[in-house]
Amino acid sequence: MPKFPDVNVELIGHDGNAYSVLGRVARALEAGGASREDIDLFYDDATSGDYDHLLSTCREYVNVC
């Protein structure tokens, strides 16, 4: 279960660029009411590894479809 289960982000079929993925998820978190602190924590965690880690972190925070 993601930390923000009510936030859905469609990544399949969109640009797979890491910055694009980060932006889509961050905007969705903001629209879903996440605090700036939560969004910063997401960024810090998501950028602390490789691309696979980024995607895994996205799934920890939001519903990815």
C-alpha atoms as a PDB file:
ATOM      1  CA  MET A   1       0.000   0.000   0.000  1.00  0.00           C
ATOM      2  CA  PRO A   2       1.535   3.345  -1.015  1.00  0.00           C
ATOM      3  CA  LYS A   3       1.917   6.209   1.440  1.00  0.00           C
ATOM      4  CA  PHE A   4      -0.642   8.204  -0.576  1.00  0.00           C
ATOM      5  CA  PRO A   5      -3.149   5.563  -1.726  1.00  0.00           C
ATOM      6  CA  ASP A   6      -5.588   8.135  -3.118  1.00  0.00           C
ATOM      7  CA  VAL A   7      -3.010   9.566  -5.526  1.00  0.00           C
ATOM      8  CA  ASN A   8      -2.889   7.852  -8.924  1.00  0.00           C
ATOM      9  CA  VAL A   9      -0.178   8.555 -11.488  1.00  0.00           C
ATOM     10  CA  GLU A  10      -0.252   7.201 -15.015  1.00  0.00           C
ATOM     11  CA  LEU A  11       3.308   6.477 -16.138  1.00  0.00           C
ATOM     12  CA  ILE A  12       2.726   3.733 -18.682  1.00  0.00           C
ATOM     13  CA  GLY A  13       2.831   5.136 -22.195  1.00  0.00           C
ATOM     14  CA  HIS A  14       4.431   8.435 -21.125  1.00  0.00           C
ATOM     15  CA  ASP A  15       7.974   9.717 -21.377  1.00  0.00           C
ATOM     16  CA  GLY A  16      10.216   7.437 -19.335  1.00  0.00           C
ATOM     17  CA  ASN A  17      12.765  10.158 -18.656  1.00  0.00           C
ATOM     18  CA  ALA A  18      13.626  10.224 -14.950  1.00  0.00           C
ATOM     19  CA  TYR A  19      12.953  13.956 -14.668  1.00  0.00           C
ATOM     20  CA  SER A  20       9.585  13.536 -16.342  1.00  0.00           C
ATOM     21  CA  VAL A  21       8.667  10.736 -13.930  1.00  0.00           C
ATOM     22  CA  LEU A  22       9.773  12.826 -10.926  1.00  0.00           C
ATOM     23  CA  GLY A  23       7.735  15.784 -12.117  1.00  0.00           C
ATOM     24  CA  ARG A  24       4.575  13.776 -12.796  1.00  0.00           C
ATOM     25  CA  VAL A  25       4.664  12.155  -9.371  1.00  0.00           C
ATOM     26  CA  ALA A  26       5.546  15.386  -7.537  1.00  0.00           C
ATOM     27  CA  ARG A  27       2.689  17.262  -9.235  1.00  0.00           C
ATOM     28  CA  ALA A  28       0.291  14.436  -8.390  1.00  0.00           C
ATOM     29  CA  LEU A  29       1.427  14.440  -4.773  1.00  0.00           C
ATOM     30  CA  GLU A  30       0.936  18.197  -4.556  1.00  0.00           C
ATOM     31  CA  ALA A  31      -2.519  17.964  -6.149  1.00  0.00           C
ATOM     32  CA  GLY A  32      -3.348  15.144  -3.735  1.00  0.00           C
ATOM     33  CA  GLY A  33      -2.593  17.312  -0.721  1.00  0.00           C
ATOM     34  CA  ALA A  34       0.880  16.072   0.224  1.00  0.00           C
ATOM     35  CA  SER A  35       2.943  18.481   2.270  1.00  0.00           C
ATOM     36  CA  ARG A  36       6.076  20.118   0.890  1.00  0.00           C
ATOM     37  CA  GLU A  37       8.034  18.006   3.382  1.00  0.00           C
ATOM     38  CA  ASP A  38       6.535  14.780   1.995  1.00  0.00           C
ATOM     39  CA  ILE A  39       7.305  15.843  -1.581  1.00  0.00           C
ATOM     40  CA  ASP A  40      10.888  16.704  -0.602  1.00  0.00           C
ATOM     41  CA  LEU A  41      11.250  13.302   1.090  1.00  0.00           C
ATOM     42  CA  PHE A  42       9.965  11.659  -2.095  1.00  0.00           C
ATOM     43  CA  TYR A  43      12.522  13.554  -4.208  1.00  0.00           C
ATOM     44  CA  ASP A  44      15.377  12.709  -1.843  1.00  0.00           C
ATOM     45  CA  ASP A  45      14.507   9.019  -1.778  1.00  0.00           C
ATOM     46  CA  ALA A  46      13.695   8.732  -5.488  1.00  0.00           C
ATOM     47  CA  THR A  47      16.969  10.341  -6.565  1.00  0.00           C
ATOM     48  CA  SER A  48      19.174   8.343  -4.201  1.00  0.00           C
ATOM     49  CA  GLY A  49      19.611   5.412  -6.591  1.00  0.00           C
ATOM     50  CA  ASP A  50      19.260   4.251 -10.154  1.00  0.00           C
ATOM     51  CA  TYR A  51      16.209   4.349 -12.451  1.00  0.00           C
ATOM     52  CA  ASP A  52      14.802   1.120 -11.011  1.00  0.00           C
ATOM     53  CA  HIS A  53      15.019   2.641  -7.532  1.00  0.00           C
ATOM     54  CA  LEU A  54      13.176   5.720  -8.823  1.00  0.00           C
ATOM     55  CA  LEU A  55      10.289   3.596 -10.097  1.00  0.00           C
ATOM     56  CA  SER A  56      10.204   1.551  -6.912  1.00  0.00           C
ATOM     57  CA  THR A  57      10.054   4.734  -4.833  1.00  0.00           C
ATOM     58  CA  CYS A  58       7.195   6.042  -6.976  1.00  0.00           C
ATOM     59  CA  ARG A  59       5.237   2.870  -6.193  1.00  0.00           C
ATOM     60  CA  GLU A  60       5.957   3.375  -2.464  1.00  0.00           C
ATOM     61  CA  TYR A  61       4.377   6.834  -2.558  1.00  0.00           C
ATOM     62  CA  VAL A  62       1.531   6.645  -5.114  1.00  0.00           C
ATOM     63  CA  ASN A  63      -0.557   4.229  -7.163  1.00  0.00           C
ATOM     64  CA  VAL A  64       1.252   3.839 -10.477  1.00  0.00           C
ATOM     65  CA  CYS A  65      -0.809   2.823 -13.471  1.00  0.00           C
END
